[in-house]
Amino acid sequence: MKNQKTIILFLFISLLFTGCKDLLDVEETFTFRQAFTVNTAQTTFDDARIFDLAANVDVIDEYGSKIKEVKIEKVEYWLTVFQGTEDQAFQGGSVSVSHQDGSDVTLVAALGEHSLHELLNSPQTLVPVTAGINMLGDLAADPPHRFKLHADAEVNEGPLNFVVVFEFTARMVANPLN
């Protein structure tokens, strides 16, 4: 009888601790940006940059391996610099994510058609692709919190001279007891 009470008490304490552990979850919303400088006589561009989230976002650095998940909630883009004609427009393009080594490139969002001069300092929300934002969230959550962001686009006329910025809004869940 005493052994049964001890086992029941142990199970109860285990369940209580597990429930309390989740109560200590920390949720933080954060943003991060990647800029791509485009300066070419061509009408297309394609660039990729490794992004170190832990080095650029304090909350990711702080919680590190205690992060349970990162969910990408919004993707925006705009131009911060533009030197061109009012007729220049994206005819298509994308932002994608991959592992640091460039493997497994997965679409995050398509750019569609948009006038370049209208994008100057005017953020536009992109429709995210589930597979891409899930992969980006997974790579953001898992140490070393590094991934490669890829941007490409086709513009109706060249030369191209602009800086395009992609901003990602995300929610992180971490548990300091993990």
Protein backbone atom coordinates (compact mmCIF):
# COMPACT_ATOMS: atom_id res chain seq x y z
CA MET A 1 0.00 0.00 0.00
CA LYS A 2 2.84 2.36 0.91
CA ASN A 3 4.55 1.61 -2.42
CA GLN A 4 1.34 2.41 -4.32
CA LYS A 5 1.01 5.76 -2.55
CA THR A 6 4.65 6.55 -3.30
CA ILE A 7 4.19 5.66 -6.97
CA ILE A 8 0.99 7.72 -7.22
CA LEU A 9 2.68 10.67 -5.48
CA PHE A 10 5.66 10.40 -7.83
CA LEU A 11 3.39 10.34 -10.90
CA PHE A 12 1.42 13.31 -9.60
CA ILE A 13 4.58 15.33 -8.97
CA SER A 14 5.90 14.42 -12.45
CA LEU A 15 2.67 15.56 -14.10
CA LEU A 16 2.63 18.74 -12.02
CA PHE A 17 6.24 19.54 -12.91
CA THR A 18 5.63 18.90 -16.62
CA GLY A 19 2.57 21.18 -16.56
CA CYS A 20 4.44 23.90 -14.67
CA LYS A 21 7.38 23.64 -17.04
CA ASP A 22 5.16 24.70 -19.96
CA LEU A 23 3.81 27.56 -17.85
CA LEU A 24 7.32 28.99 -17.82
CA ASP A 25 7.45 29.26 -21.62
CA VAL A 26 8.62 32.65 -22.83
CA GLU A 27 7.10 34.11 -26.00
CA GLU A 28 8.78 36.98 -27.82
CA THR A 29 8.02 38.65 -31.13
CA PHE A 30 10.99 39.93 -33.09
CA THR A 31 11.93 41.09 -36.57
CA PHE A 32 14.99 40.61 -38.69
CA ARG A 33 15.99 42.09 -42.05
CA GLN A 34 18.17 41.16 -44.96
CA ALA A 35 19.11 43.73 -47.60
CA PHE A 36 20.30 42.90 -51.12
CA THR A 37 22.14 45.54 -53.13
CA VAL A 38 21.43 45.25 -56.84
CA ASN A 39 23.63 47.11 -59.32
CA THR A 40 23.77 45.54 -62.76
CA ALA A 41 23.28 46.39 -66.41
CA GLN A 42 21.17 43.23 -66.72
CA THR A 43 17.41 42.96 -66.17
CA THR A 44 17.73 40.07 -63.71
CA PHE A 45 19.49 39.51 -60.43
CA ASP A 46 20.12 36.56 -58.15
CA ASP A 47 21.88 36.83 -54.79
CA ALA A 48 22.21 34.82 -51.59
CA ARG A 49 23.42 35.77 -48.11
CA ILE A 50 24.06 33.72 -44.98
CA PHE A 51 22.08 35.16 -42.08
CA ASP A 52 23.21 34.57 -38.48
CA LEU A 53 20.08 35.10 -36.43
CA ALA A 54 21.82 34.67 -33.05
CA ALA A 55 24.31 37.41 -33.94
CA ASN A 56 21.56 39.79 -35.07
CA VAL A 57 18.65 39.15 -32.69
CA ASP A 58 19.30 39.38 -28.95
CA VAL A 59 16.40 37.15 -27.90
CA ILE A 60 17.66 34.30 -30.12
CA ASP A 61 21.16 34.66 -28.70
CA GLU A 62 19.77 34.77 -25.14
CA TYR A 63 17.65 31.60 -25.36
CA GLY A 64 19.76 29.64 -27.87
CA SER A 65 19.20 25.90 -27.40
CA LYS A 66 16.20 26.53 -25.12
CA ILE A 67 14.09 27.66 -28.06
CA LYS A 68 11.13 25.36 -28.69
CA GLU A 69 9.88 26.98 -31.90
CA VAL A 70 10.04 30.00 -34.15
CA LYS A 71 7.06 30.83 -36.36
CA ILE A 72 7.35 33.34 -39.16
CA GLU A 73 4.23 35.52 -39.01
CA LYS A 74 4.83 38.13 -41.71
CA VAL A 75 7.15 38.78 -44.66
CA GLU A 76 7.50 42.27 -46.11
CA TYR A 77 9.74 43.85 -48.71
CA TRP A 78 10.56 47.33 -49.99
CA LEU A 79 13.33 49.34 -51.57
CA THR A 80 15.52 51.69 -49.52
CA VAL A 81 17.46 52.99 -52.52
CA PHE A 82 16.21 53.28 -56.09
CA GLN A 83 17.83 54.91 -59.09
CA GLY A 84 15.90 54.16 -62.23
CA THR A 85 12.91 55.11 -64.29
CA GLU A 86 9.28 55.18 -63.21
CA ASP A 87 8.62 52.46 -65.78
CA GLN A 88 10.86 49.88 -64.13
CA ALA A 89 8.88 47.08 -62.49
CA PHE A 90 9.40 43.63 -61.08
CA GLN A 91 7.99 41.07 -63.48
CA GLY A 92 8.50 38.27 -60.99
CA GLY A 93 10.91 37.14 -58.36
CA SER A 94 11.20 35.42 -55.03
CA VAL A 95 12.76 35.19 -51.62
CA SER A 96 13.82 31.69 -50.57
CA VAL A 97 15.65 29.98 -47.72
CA SER A 98 18.16 27.15 -47.59
CA HIS A 99 20.66 25.57 -45.26
CA GLN A 100 23.91 27.52 -44.85
CA ASP A 101 25.59 25.38 -47.50
CA GLY A 102 22.88 26.32 -50.04
CA SER A 103 21.18 22.93 -50.02
CA ASP A 104 17.41 22.45 -50.01
CA VAL A 105 16.41 25.88 -51.38
CA THR A 106 12.73 26.42 -50.49
CA LEU A 107 10.48 29.27 -51.63
CA VAL A 108 9.36 31.62 -48.83
CA ALA A 109 7.37 34.08 -50.98
CA ALA A 110 6.96 35.25 -54.57
CA LEU A 111 7.35 38.94 -55.43
CA GLY A 112 4.93 39.21 -58.32
CA GLU A 113 4.68 42.35 -60.44
CA HIS A 114 5.27 45.69 -58.78
CA SER A 115 6.57 49.10 -59.83
CA LEU A 116 10.02 49.70 -58.35
CA HIS A 117 9.57 53.41 -57.62
CA GLU A 118 6.36 52.64 -55.68
CA LEU A 119 8.34 50.27 -53.44
CA LEU A 120 10.75 53.00 -52.32
CA ASN A 121 10.33 53.21 -48.52
CA SER A 122 6.89 51.61 -48.90
CA PRO A 123 6.75 48.12 -47.31
CA GLN A 124 4.56 45.55 -49.05
CA THR A 125 3.38 42.36 -47.37
CA LEU A 126 4.09 39.16 -49.27
CA VAL A 127 1.96 36.03 -49.22
CA PRO A 128 4.18 33.40 -47.62
CA VAL A 129 4.53 29.83 -48.86
CA THR A 130 3.93 27.37 -46.02
CA ALA A 131 6.88 25.07 -46.76
CA GLY A 132 9.27 28.02 -46.90
CA ILE A 133 8.17 29.78 -43.74
CA ASN A 134 8.14 26.46 -41.88
CA MET A 135 11.70 25.71 -43.00
CA LEU A 136 12.82 29.24 -42.13
CA GLY A 137 11.22 28.89 -38.69
CA ASP A 138 12.91 25.53 -38.10
CA LEU A 139 16.34 26.83 -39.13
CA ALA A 140 15.82 29.92 -36.98
CA ALA A 141 14.88 27.83 -33.94
CA ASP A 142 17.66 25.24 -34.16
CA PRO A 143 21.28 26.05 -33.24
CA PRO A 144 23.36 27.50 -34.78
CA HIS A 145 20.40 29.67 -35.93
CA ARG A 146 21.99 30.30 -39.33
CA PHE A 147 20.52 29.96 -42.79
CA LYS A 148 20.95 31.33 -46.28
CA LEU A 149 18.42 33.78 -47.73
CA HIS A 150 18.13 33.94 -51.53
CA ALA A 151 16.57 36.73 -53.59
CA ASP A 152 16.01 36.84 -57.32
CA ALA A 153 13.92 38.90 -59.66
CA GLU A 154 13.32 39.88 -63.24
CA VAL A 155 12.73 43.53 -64.07
CA ASN A 156 11.22 44.80 -67.31
CA GLU A 157 14.16 47.09 -68.14
CA GLY A 158 17.73 47.71 -66.99
CA PRO A 159 20.07 48.85 -65.72
CA LEU A 160 19.15 47.92 -62.13
CA ASN A 161 20.30 50.05 -59.24
CA PHE A 162 18.42 49.55 -55.97
CA VAL A 163 18.53 48.01 -52.51
CA VAL A 164 15.72 45.60 -51.69
CA VAL A 165 15.03 44.77 -48.04
CA PHE A 166 13.14 41.74 -46.77
CA GLU A 167 11.80 41.93 -43.24
CA PHE A 168 10.53 38.91 -41.35
CA THR A 169 8.34 39.16 -38.26
CA ALA A 170 8.50 36.06 -36.09
CA ARG A 171 7.33 34.69 -32.76
CA MET A 172 9.70 32.63 -30.64
CA VAL A 173 8.71 30.26 -27.86
CA ALA A 174 11.44 29.17 -25.46
CA ASN A 175 11.60 27.50 -22.08
CA PRO A 176 14.39 28.52 -19.70
CA LEU A 177 14.18 25.12 -18.00
CA ASN A 178 15.00 23.14 -21.14
